[in-house]
Amino acid sequence: MRSPLLPNPARNGPSGTLAGFTLLEVLLGIGILAVLVAILLPVVGSTSRRAQSITCMTNLKTLWSAQRSYQSDHADSFIPYYDGSTWTWTAALMNQGYLSQRTSAFFCPAFAKTTDLDTPEKVATRSGGSGGAGRRGTYSHYGYNQNHIGGSARYGGDATLPARGSQITQPSRTILFIDTIYTPGAAVPRGTFIVGDRPAASHMPDPRHQGRFQMIFVDGHVEAIQPADPAQIFAPYPAGLGYTTQDGSLWKR
């Protein structure tokens, strides 16, 4: 009869060290790993989302700085959102040297993963519309406030005539660029270089940061807004009116 004090050859190696595990020990180890994974996954996910948010804010600051440089070179005029035929503000900033030709500033890492424009280079160089190559950057993940800053359609003027800095009555409460999506719910989501000031089927703000819209205002500060109802981004919005220039609007000059 084997003494209980002697090492079990089925459980130990030649030197007496542990060479195997019981089923209970294996299950216990798996359970501990599962608990650790459950604890760590939300932390990793939160860290990743935070990193995406910071990158997005940096992109907005980069676009704001490029636009400010353009403005200082053009008698305080904001850049036109579109020239009416061949180029958009995105292409103009690249073509005129205010942004790199292959900038990553148009690419938000939090944008839907199902898009086929899934790299910064693709977003910066992809063209669209009748302007062809002259309209590069039309799928930017950030839209320009076209009706109040990049044009004058809401003020009885030329749709492509941009505002001047002196016309902005509340720079800290007027959106310049904001997270955008071309068509919410599309099978292949894409960004868009402009954003409207009213609910529409396309060119819409995109609450892609856990329900938050990230935006940069004319004065250069960034905010993340999470309204109870995403449509509140358009408030105040006069009933029956196709646009808003009312006081309190985040879009108006």
C-alpha atoms as a PDB file:
ATOM      1  CA  MET A   1       0.000   0.000   0.000  1.00  0.00           C
ATOM      2  CA  ARG A   2       1.440   3.417  -1.048  1.00  0.00           C
ATOM      3  CA  SER A   3       2.054   5.872   1.751  1.00  0.00           C
ATOM      4  CA  PRO A   4      -0.167   9.009   1.470  1.00  0.00           C
ATOM      5  CA  LEU A   5       2.947  11.063   2.159  1.00  0.00           C
ATOM      6  CA  LEU A   6       4.671   9.952  -1.044  1.00  0.00           C
ATOM      7  CA  PRO A   7       4.171  11.901  -4.288  1.00  0.00           C
ATOM      8  CA  ASN A   8       1.536  10.494  -6.611  1.00  0.00           C
ATOM      9  CA  PRO A   9       3.277   9.485  -9.875  1.00  0.00           C
ATOM     10  CA  ALA A  10       0.077  10.170 -11.821  1.00  0.00           C
ATOM     11  CA  ARG A  11       0.000  13.742 -10.570  1.00  0.00           C
ATOM     12  CA  ASN A  12       3.647  14.668 -10.374  1.00  0.00           C
ATOM     13  CA  GLY A  13       6.742  14.672 -12.510  1.00  0.00           C
ATOM     14  CA  PRO A  14      10.022  12.942 -11.681  1.00  0.00           C
ATOM     15  CA  SER A  15      11.110  15.687  -9.317  1.00  0.00           C
ATOM     16  CA  GLY A  16       7.806  15.740  -7.484  1.00  0.00           C
ATOM     17  CA  THR A  17       6.507  18.919  -9.208  1.00  0.00           C
ATOM     18  CA  LEU A  18       2.867  19.157 -10.346  1.00  0.00           C
ATOM     19  CA  ALA A  19       2.474  17.684 -13.838  1.00  0.00           C
ATOM     20  CA  GLY A  20      -1.335  17.780 -14.322  1.00  0.00           C
ATOM     21  CA  PHE A  21      -4.619  19.333 -13.186  1.00  0.00           C
ATOM     22  CA  THR A  22      -7.895  17.865 -12.094  1.00  0.00           C
ATOM     23  CA  LEU A  23     -11.057  18.695 -13.992  1.00  0.00           C
ATOM     24  CA  LEU A  24     -12.164  20.862 -11.070  1.00  0.00           C
ATOM     25  CA  GLU A  25      -8.943  22.868 -11.233  1.00  0.00           C
ATOM     26  CA  VAL A  26      -9.311  23.404 -15.002  1.00  0.00           C
ATOM     27  CA  LEU A  27     -12.899  24.570 -14.622  1.00  0.00           C
ATOM     28  CA  LEU A  28     -11.916  26.871 -11.782  1.00  0.00           C
ATOM     29  CA  GLY A  29      -9.162  28.420 -13.924  1.00  0.00           C
ATOM     30  CA  ILE A  30     -11.560  28.951 -16.849  1.00  0.00           C
ATOM     31  CA  GLY A  31     -14.053  30.583 -14.510  1.00  0.00           C
ATOM     32  CA  ILE A  32     -11.435  32.998 -13.174  1.00  0.00           C
ATOM     33  CA  LEU A  33     -10.365  33.921 -16.723  1.00  0.00           C
ATOM     34  CA  ALA A  34     -13.979  34.523 -17.732  1.00  0.00           C
ATOM     35  CA  VAL A  35     -14.478  36.860 -14.779  1.00  0.00           C
ATOM     36  CA  LEU A  36     -11.289  38.781 -15.634  1.00  0.00           C
ATOM     37  CA  VAL A  37     -12.348  39.130 -19.271  1.00  0.00           C
ATOM     38  CA  ALA A  38     -15.800  40.376 -18.220  1.00  0.00           C
ATOM     39  CA  ILE A  39     -14.156  42.975 -15.984  1.00  0.00           C
ATOM     40  CA  LEU A  40     -11.537  44.130 -18.490  1.00  0.00           C
ATOM     41  CA  LEU A  41     -13.586  44.257 -21.722  1.00  0.00           C
ATOM     42  CA  PRO A  42     -15.683  47.308 -20.748  1.00  0.00           C
ATOM     43  CA  VAL A  43     -12.498  49.088 -19.644  1.00  0.00           C
ATOM     44  CA  VAL A  44     -10.787  48.324 -22.970  1.00  0.00           C
ATOM     45  CA  GLY A  45     -13.907  49.373 -24.900  1.00  0.00           C
ATOM     46  CA  SER A  46     -14.202  52.608 -22.940  1.00  0.00           C
ATOM     47  CA  THR A  47     -10.529  53.396 -23.537  1.00  0.00           C
ATOM     48  CA  SER A  48     -10.951  52.759 -27.272  1.00  0.00           C
ATOM     49  CA  ARG A  49     -14.012  55.010 -27.487  1.00  0.00           C
ATOM     50  CA  ARG A  50     -12.196  57.726 -25.573  1.00  0.00           C
ATOM     51  CA  ALA A  51      -9.257  57.508 -27.988  1.00  0.00           C
ATOM     52  CA  GLN A  52     -11.646  57.797 -30.951  1.00  0.00           C
ATOM     53  CA  SER A  53     -13.291  60.838 -29.404  1.00  0.00           C
ATOM     54  CA  ILE A  54      -9.933  62.538 -28.851  1.00  0.00           C
ATOM     55  CA  THR A  55      -8.873  61.821 -32.455  1.00  0.00           C
ATOM     56  CA  CYS A  56     -12.165  63.266 -33.684  1.00  0.00           C
ATOM     57  CA  MET A  57     -11.661  66.431 -31.633  1.00  0.00           C
ATOM     58  CA  THR A  58      -8.152  66.771 -33.031  1.00  0.00           C
ATOM     59  CA  ASN A  59      -9.532  66.455 -36.572  1.00  0.00           C
ATOM     60  CA  LEU A  60     -12.084  69.190 -35.931  1.00  0.00           C
ATOM     61  CA  LYS A  61      -9.345  71.452 -34.572  1.00  0.00           C
ATOM     62  CA  THR A  62      -7.224  70.759 -37.655  1.00  0.00           C
ATOM     63  CA  LEU A  63     -10.087  71.686 -39.990  1.00  0.00           C
ATOM     64  CA  TRP A  64     -10.819  74.810 -37.950  1.00  0.00           C
ATOM     65  CA  SER A  65      -7.163  75.896 -38.117  1.00  0.00           C
ATOM     66  CA  ALA A  66      -7.026  75.336 -41.881  1.00  0.00           C
ATOM     67  CA  GLN A  67     -10.205  77.367 -42.356  1.00  0.00           C
ATOM     68  CA  ARG A  68      -8.830  80.137 -40.123  1.00  0.00           C
ATOM     69  CA  SER A  69      -5.681  80.295 -42.229  1.00  0.00           C
ATOM     70  CA  TYR A  70      -7.832  80.548 -45.358  1.00  0.00           C
ATOM     71  CA  GLN A  71      -9.896  83.286 -43.703  1.00  0.00           C
ATOM     72  CA  SER A  72      -6.841  85.347 -42.785  1.00  0.00           C
ATOM     73  CA  ASP A  73      -5.670  85.159 -46.401  1.00  0.00           C
ATOM     74  CA  HIS A  74      -9.056  86.138 -47.862  1.00  0.00           C
ATOM     75  CA  ALA A  75     -10.128  89.357 -46.147  1.00  0.00           C
ATOM     76  CA  ASP A  76     -11.916  87.615 -43.235  1.00  0.00           C
ATOM     77  CA  SER A  77     -14.082  85.504 -45.574  1.00  0.00           C
ATOM     78  CA  PHE A  78     -14.883  81.907 -44.708  1.00  0.00           C
ATOM     79  CA  ILE A  79     -14.190  79.378 -47.440  1.00  0.00           C
ATOM     80  CA  PRO A  80     -17.124  78.770 -49.855  1.00  0.00           C
ATOM     81  CA  TYR A  81     -18.589  75.338 -49.282  1.00  0.00           C
ATOM     82  CA  TYR A  82     -18.755  74.724 -53.057  1.00  0.00           C
ATOM     83  CA  ASP A  83     -17.944  76.624 -56.237  1.00  0.00           C
ATOM     84  CA  GLY A  84     -21.065  75.379 -58.022  1.00  0.00           C
ATOM     85  CA  SER A  85     -19.367  73.008 -60.447  1.00  0.00           C
ATOM     86  CA  THR A  86     -15.956  71.533 -59.777  1.00  0.00           C
ATOM     87  CA  TRP A  87     -14.684  71.756 -56.204  1.00  0.00           C
ATOM     88  CA  THR A  88     -15.797  71.621 -52.575  1.00  0.00           C
ATOM     89  CA  TRP A  89     -14.269  73.256 -49.499  1.00  0.00           C
ATOM     90  CA  THR A  90     -12.482  69.983 -48.722  1.00  0.00           C
ATOM     91  CA  ALA A  91     -10.734  69.925 -52.090  1.00  0.00           C
ATOM     92  CA  ALA A  92     -10.038  73.671 -51.965  1.00  0.00           C
ATOM     93  CA  LEU A  93      -8.230  73.433 -48.626  1.00  0.00           C
ATOM     94  CA  MET A  94      -6.075  70.623 -50.006  1.00  0.00           C
ATOM     95  CA  ASN A  95      -5.495  72.200 -53.419  1.00  0.00           C
ATOM     96  CA  GLN A  96      -4.516  75.563 -51.928  1.00  0.00           C
ATOM     97  CA  GLY A  97      -2.103  74.111 -49.401  1.00  0.00           C
ATOM     98  CA  TYR A  98      -4.078  74.623 -46.199  1.00  0.00           C
ATOM     99  CA  LEU A  99      -4.281  70.862 -45.678  1.00  0.00           C
ATOM    100  CA  SER A 100      -2.149  67.954 -46.851  1.00  0.00           C
ATOM    101  CA  GLN A 101      -3.242  66.337 -50.116  1.00  0.00           C
ATOM    102  CA  ARG A 102      -3.758  63.062 -48.232  1.00  0.00           C
ATOM    103  CA  THR A 103      -4.936  64.454 -44.925  1.00  0.00           C
ATOM    104  CA  SER A 104      -6.389  62.242 -42.212  1.00  0.00           C
ATOM    105  CA  ALA A 105      -8.409  65.175 -40.822  1.00  0.00           C
ATOM    106  CA  PHE A 106     -11.513  64.118 -42.778  1.00  0.00           C
ATOM    107  CA  PHE A 107     -11.523  60.624 -41.221  1.00  0.00           C
ATOM    108  CA  CYS A 108     -13.257  59.881 -37.911  1.00  0.00           C
ATOM    109  CA  PRO A 109     -12.255  56.477 -36.431  1.00  0.00           C
ATOM    110  CA  ALA A 110     -15.684  56.155 -34.814  1.00  0.00           C
ATOM    111  CA  PHE A 111     -17.464  56.213 -38.169  1.00  0.00           C
ATOM    112  CA  ALA A 112     -19.465  53.093 -39.095  1.00  0.00           C
ATOM    113  CA  LYS A 113     -17.135  50.166 -39.856  1.00  0.00           C
ATOM    114  CA  THR A 114     -19.286  48.971 -42.757  1.00  0.00           C
ATOM    115  CA  THR A 115     -18.306  51.880 -45.007  1.00  0.00           C
ATOM    116  CA  ASP A 116     -16.167  51.040 -48.028  1.00  0.00           C
ATOM    117  CA  LEU A 117     -14.229  54.285 -47.473  1.00  0.00           C
ATOM    118  CA  ASP A 118     -12.482  52.805 -44.476  1.00  0.00           C
ATOM    119  CA  THR A 119      -9.104  54.566 -44.483  1.00  0.00           C
ATOM    120  CA  PRO A 120      -8.113  58.247 -44.164  1.00  0.00           C
ATOM    121  CA  GLU A 121      -6.555  58.171 -47.635  1.00  0.00           C
ATOM    122  CA  LYS A 122      -9.721  56.850 -49.263  1.00  0.00           C
ATOM    123  CA  VAL A 123     -11.835  59.544 -47.630  1.00  0.00           C
ATOM    124  CA  ALA A 124      -9.433  62.349 -48.586  1.00  0.00           C
ATOM    125  CA  THR A 125      -8.910  61.289 -52.203  1.00  0.00           C
ATOM    126  CA  ARG A 126     -12.302  59.872 -53.184  1.00  0.00           C
ATOM    127  CA  SER A 127     -14.140  62.227 -55.533  1.00  0.00           C
ATOM    128  CA  GLY A 128     -17.858  62.519 -56.171  1.00  0.00           C
ATOM    129  CA  GLY A 129     -20.409  64.326 -58.280  1.00  0.00           C
ATOM    130  CA  SER A 130     -20.020  65.962 -61.665  1.00  0.00           C
ATOM    131  CA  GLY A 131     -16.785  67.687 -60.660  1.00  0.00           C
ATOM    132  CA  GLY A 132     -14.850  64.414 -60.700  1.00  0.00           C
ATOM    133  CA  ALA A 133     -11.323  64.635 -59.329  1.00  0.00           C
ATOM    134  CA  GLY A 134     -11.804  68.317 -58.547  1.00  0.00           C
ATOM    135  CA  ARG A 135     -14.266  67.377 -55.806  1.00  0.00           C
ATOM    136  CA  ARG A 136     -11.988  65.197 -53.703  1.00  0.00           C
ATOM    137  CA  GLY A 137     -12.943  64.867 -50.060  1.00  0.00           C
ATOM    138  CA  THR A 138     -16.690  64.984 -50.683  1.00  0.00           C
ATOM    139  CA  TYR A 139     -17.127  61.996 -48.331  1.00  0.00           C
ATOM    140  CA  SER A 140     -15.574  63.789 -45.371  1.00  0.00           C
ATOM    141  CA  HIS A 141     -16.855  62.577 -42.002  1.00  0.00           C
ATOM    142  CA  TYR A 142     -17.328  66.225 -40.995  1.00  0.00           C
ATOM    143  CA  GLY A 143     -19.882  68.538 -42.524  1.00  0.00           C
ATOM    144  CA  TYR A 144     -19.532  72.292 -43.038  1.00  0.00           C
ATOM    145  CA  ASN A 145     -22.370  74.642 -42.015  1.00  0.00           C
ATOM    146  CA  GLN A 146     -23.219  75.382 -45.636  1.00  0.00           C
ATOM    147  CA  ASN A 147     -26.316  77.568 -45.340  1.00  0.00           C
ATOM    148  CA  HIS A 148     -25.002  80.051 -42.789  1.00  0.00           C
ATOM    149  CA  ILE A 149     -21.198  79.989 -42.984  1.00  0.00           C
ATOM    150  CA  GLY A 150     -20.140  78.456 -46.297  1.00  0.00           C
ATOM    151  CA  GLY A 151     -22.940  80.177 -48.213  1.00  0.00           C
ATOM    152  CA  SER A 152     -25.655  82.816 -47.886  1.00  0.00           C
ATOM    153  CA  ALA A 153     -28.751  80.896 -48.963  1.00  0.00           C
ATOM    154  CA  ARG A 154     -30.573  81.689 -45.692  1.00  0.00           C
ATOM    155  CA  TYR A 155     -29.924  85.414 -46.020  1.00  0.00           C
ATOM    156  CA  GLY A 156     -31.245  86.114 -49.492  1.00  0.00           C
ATOM    157  CA  GLY A 157     -27.821  85.940 -51.089  1.00  0.00           C
ATOM    158  CA  ASP A 158     -25.736  83.691 -53.289  1.00  0.00           C
ATOM    159  CA  ALA A 159     -25.865  80.085 -52.088  1.00  0.00           C
ATOM    160  CA  THR A 160     -22.091  79.821 -52.471  1.00  0.00           C
ATOM    161  CA  LEU A 161     -21.177  83.261 -51.094  1.00  0.00           C
ATOM    162  CA  PRO A 162     -19.606  82.611 -47.690  1.00  0.00           C
ATOM    163  CA  ALA A 163     -19.993  84.689 -44.555  1.00  0.00           C
ATOM    164  CA  ARG A 164     -17.348  86.996 -43.184  1.00  0.00           C
ATOM    165  CA  GLY A 165     -16.119  86.748 -39.636  1.00  0.00           C
ATOM    166  CA  SER A 166     -17.657  90.120 -38.785  1.00  0.00           C
ATOM    167  CA  GLN A 167     -21.121  88.749 -39.657  1.00  0.00           C
ATOM    168  CA  ILE A 168     -21.063  86.052 -36.965  1.00  0.00           C
ATOM    169  CA  THR A 169     -22.970  87.454 -34.018  1.00  0.00           C
ATOM    170  CA  GLN A 170     -22.215  84.608 -31.583  1.00  0.00           C
ATOM    171  CA  PRO A 171     -19.026  82.759 -32.606  1.00  0.00           C
ATOM    172  CA  SER A 172     -19.171  80.518 -29.526  1.00  0.00           C
ATOM    173  CA  ARG A 173     -22.724  79.353 -30.401  1.00  0.00           C
ATOM    174  CA  THR A 174     -22.442  78.944 -34.182  1.00  0.00           C
ATOM    175  CA  ILE A 175     -21.508  75.533 -35.578  1.00  0.00           C
ATOM    176  CA  LEU A 176     -18.682  75.460 -38.104  1.00  0.00           C
ATOM    177  CA  PHE A 177     -18.047  71.708 -38.575  1.00  0.00           C
ATOM    178  CA  ILE A 178     -19.919  68.726 -37.094  1.00  0.00           C
ATOM    179  CA  ASP A 179     -19.928  64.908 -37.319  1.00  0.00           C
ATOM    180  CA  THR A 180     -22.002  64.031 -40.388  1.00  0.00           C
ATOM    181  CA  ILE A 181     -23.366  61.118 -42.376  1.00  0.00           C
ATOM    182  CA  TYR A 182     -24.721  61.274 -45.914  1.00  0.00           C
ATOM    183  CA  THR A 183     -27.788  59.047 -45.488  1.00  0.00           C
ATOM    184  CA  PRO A 184     -28.634  57.603 -42.073  1.00  0.00           C
ATOM    185  CA  GLY A 185     -29.625  53.951 -42.370  1.00  0.00           C
ATOM    186  CA  ALA A 186     -27.919  53.411 -45.730  1.00  0.00           C
ATOM    187  CA  ALA A 187     -26.545  49.937 -46.426  1.00  0.00           C
ATOM    188  CA  VAL A 188     -23.127  51.476 -47.080  1.00  0.00           C
ATOM    189  CA  PRO A 189     -22.830  54.566 -44.843  1.00  0.00           C
ATOM    190  CA  ARG A 190     -20.650  57.424 -45.989  1.00  0.00           C
ATOM    191  CA  GLY A 191     -19.744  60.844 -44.764  1.00  0.00           C
ATOM    192  CA  THR A 192     -20.626  64.129 -46.430  1.00  0.00           C
ATOM    193  CA  PHE A 193     -18.814  67.456 -46.714  1.00  0.00           C
ATOM    194  CA  ILE A 194     -21.878  69.578 -45.850  1.00  0.00           C
ATOM    195  CA  VAL A 195     -24.595  69.567 -43.214  1.00  0.00           C
ATOM    196  CA  GLY A 196     -28.066  71.104 -43.379  1.00  0.00           C
ATOM    197  CA  ASP A 197     -29.784  73.212 -40.747  1.00  0.00           C
ATOM    198  CA  ARG A 198     -33.036  71.239 -40.780  1.00  0.00           C
ATOM    199  CA  PRO A 199     -34.112  67.576 -40.664  1.00  0.00           C
ATOM    200  CA  ALA A 200     -33.662  65.977 -44.084  1.00  0.00           C
ATOM    201  CA  ALA A 201     -33.015  62.655 -45.787  1.00  0.00           C
ATOM    202  CA  SER A 202     -29.323  63.315 -46.275  1.00  0.00           C
ATOM    203  CA  HIS A 203     -26.390  65.492 -45.131  1.00  0.00           C
ATOM    204  CA  MET A 204     -27.307  64.934 -41.496  1.00  0.00           C
ATOM    205  CA  PRO A 205     -25.466  65.313 -38.177  1.00  0.00           C
ATOM    206  CA  ASP A 206     -24.290  61.901 -36.966  1.00  0.00           C
ATOM    207  CA  PRO A 207     -24.373  61.094 -33.202  1.00  0.00           C
ATOM    208  CA  ARG A 208     -21.672  58.442 -33.562  1.00  0.00           C
ATOM    209  CA  HIS A 209     -19.922  58.980 -30.234  1.00  0.00           C
ATOM    210  CA  GLN A 210     -22.259  56.995 -27.957  1.00  0.00           C
ATOM    211  CA  GLY A 211     -25.182  59.184 -29.007  1.00  0.00           C
ATOM    212  CA  ARG A 212     -23.150  62.403 -28.972  1.00  0.00           C
ATOM    213  CA  PHE A 213     -22.557  64.874 -31.776  1.00  0.00           C
ATOM    214  CA  GLN A 214     -19.048  66.314 -31.707  1.00  0.00           C
ATOM    215  CA  MET A 215     -18.765  69.758 -33.269  1.00  0.00           C
ATOM    216  CA  ILE A 216     -16.486  72.745 -33.412  1.00  0.00           C
ATOM    217  CA  PHE A 217     -17.828  76.269 -33.210  1.00  0.00           C
ATOM    218  CA  VAL A 218     -16.655  79.364 -35.063  1.00  0.00           C
ATOM    219  CA  ASP A 219     -14.591  80.493 -32.061  1.00  0.00           C
ATOM    220  CA  GLY A 220     -12.635  77.213 -32.135  1.00  0.00           C
ATOM    221  CA  HIS A 221     -13.970  75.355 -29.099  1.00  0.00           C
ATOM    222  CA  VAL A 222     -15.229  71.776 -29.384  1.00  0.00           C
ATOM    223  CA  GLU A 223     -18.353  70.382 -27.736  1.00  0.00           C
ATOM    224  CA  ALA A 224     -19.977  66.973 -27.546  1.00  0.00           C
ATOM    225  CA  ILE A 225     -23.765  67.309 -27.286  1.00  0.00           C
ATOM    226  CA  GLN A 226     -26.128  64.458 -26.434  1.00  0.00           C
ATOM    227  CA  PRO A 227     -29.722  65.715 -26.646  1.00  0.00           C
ATOM    228  CA  ALA A 228     -32.553  63.504 -25.459  1.00  0.00           C
ATOM    229  CA  ASP A 229     -33.903  63.663 -29.001  1.00  0.00           C
ATOM    230  CA  PRO A 230     -31.315  63.965 -31.835  1.00  0.00           C
ATOM    231  CA  ALA A 231     -33.709  66.289 -33.674  1.00  0.00           C
ATOM    232  CA  GLN A 232     -33.086  68.845 -30.916  1.00  0.00           C
ATOM    233  CA  ILE A 233     -29.842  69.715 -32.686  1.00  0.00           C
ATOM    234  CA  PHE A 234     -32.116  71.684 -35.049  1.00  0.00           C
ATOM    235  CA  ALA A 235     -33.989  73.572 -32.320  1.00  0.00           C
ATOM    236  CA  PRO A 236     -35.318  76.207 -32.332  1.00  0.00           C
ATOM    237  CA  TYR A 237     -36.967  75.198 -35.566  1.00  0.00           C
ATOM    238  CA  PRO A 238     -40.012  77.243 -36.670  1.00  0.00           C
ATOM    239  CA  ALA A 239     -42.991  75.053 -37.517  1.00  0.00           C
ATOM    240  CA  GLY A 240     -43.749  75.118 -41.230  1.00  0.00           C
ATOM    241  CA  LEU A 241     -40.565  77.003 -42.094  1.00  0.00           C
ATOM    242  CA  GLY A 242     -38.016  75.270 -44.282  1.00  0.00           C
ATOM    243  CA  TYR A 243     -35.026  76.579 -42.371  1.00  0.00           C
ATOM    244  CA  THR A 244     -34.079  78.461 -39.249  1.00  0.00           C
ATOM    245  CA  THR A 245     -32.411  81.824 -38.700  1.00  0.00           C
ATOM    246  CA  GLN A 246     -34.056  82.371 -35.340  1.00  0.00           C
ATOM    247  CA  ASP A 247     -32.192  83.388 -32.209  1.00  0.00           C
ATOM    248  CA  GLY A 248     -30.936  80.420 -30.262  1.00  0.00           C
ATOM    249  CA  SER A 249     -30.185  78.336 -33.328  1.00  0.00           C
ATOM    250  CA  LEU A 250     -26.729  76.732 -33.334  1.00  0.00           C
ATOM    251  CA  TRP A 251     -26.570  77.226 -37.105  1.00  0.00           C
ATOM    252  CA  LYS A 252     -27.286  80.926 -37.709  1.00  0.00           C
ATOM    253  CA  ARG A 253     -24.701  83.658 -38.133  1.00  0.00           C
END
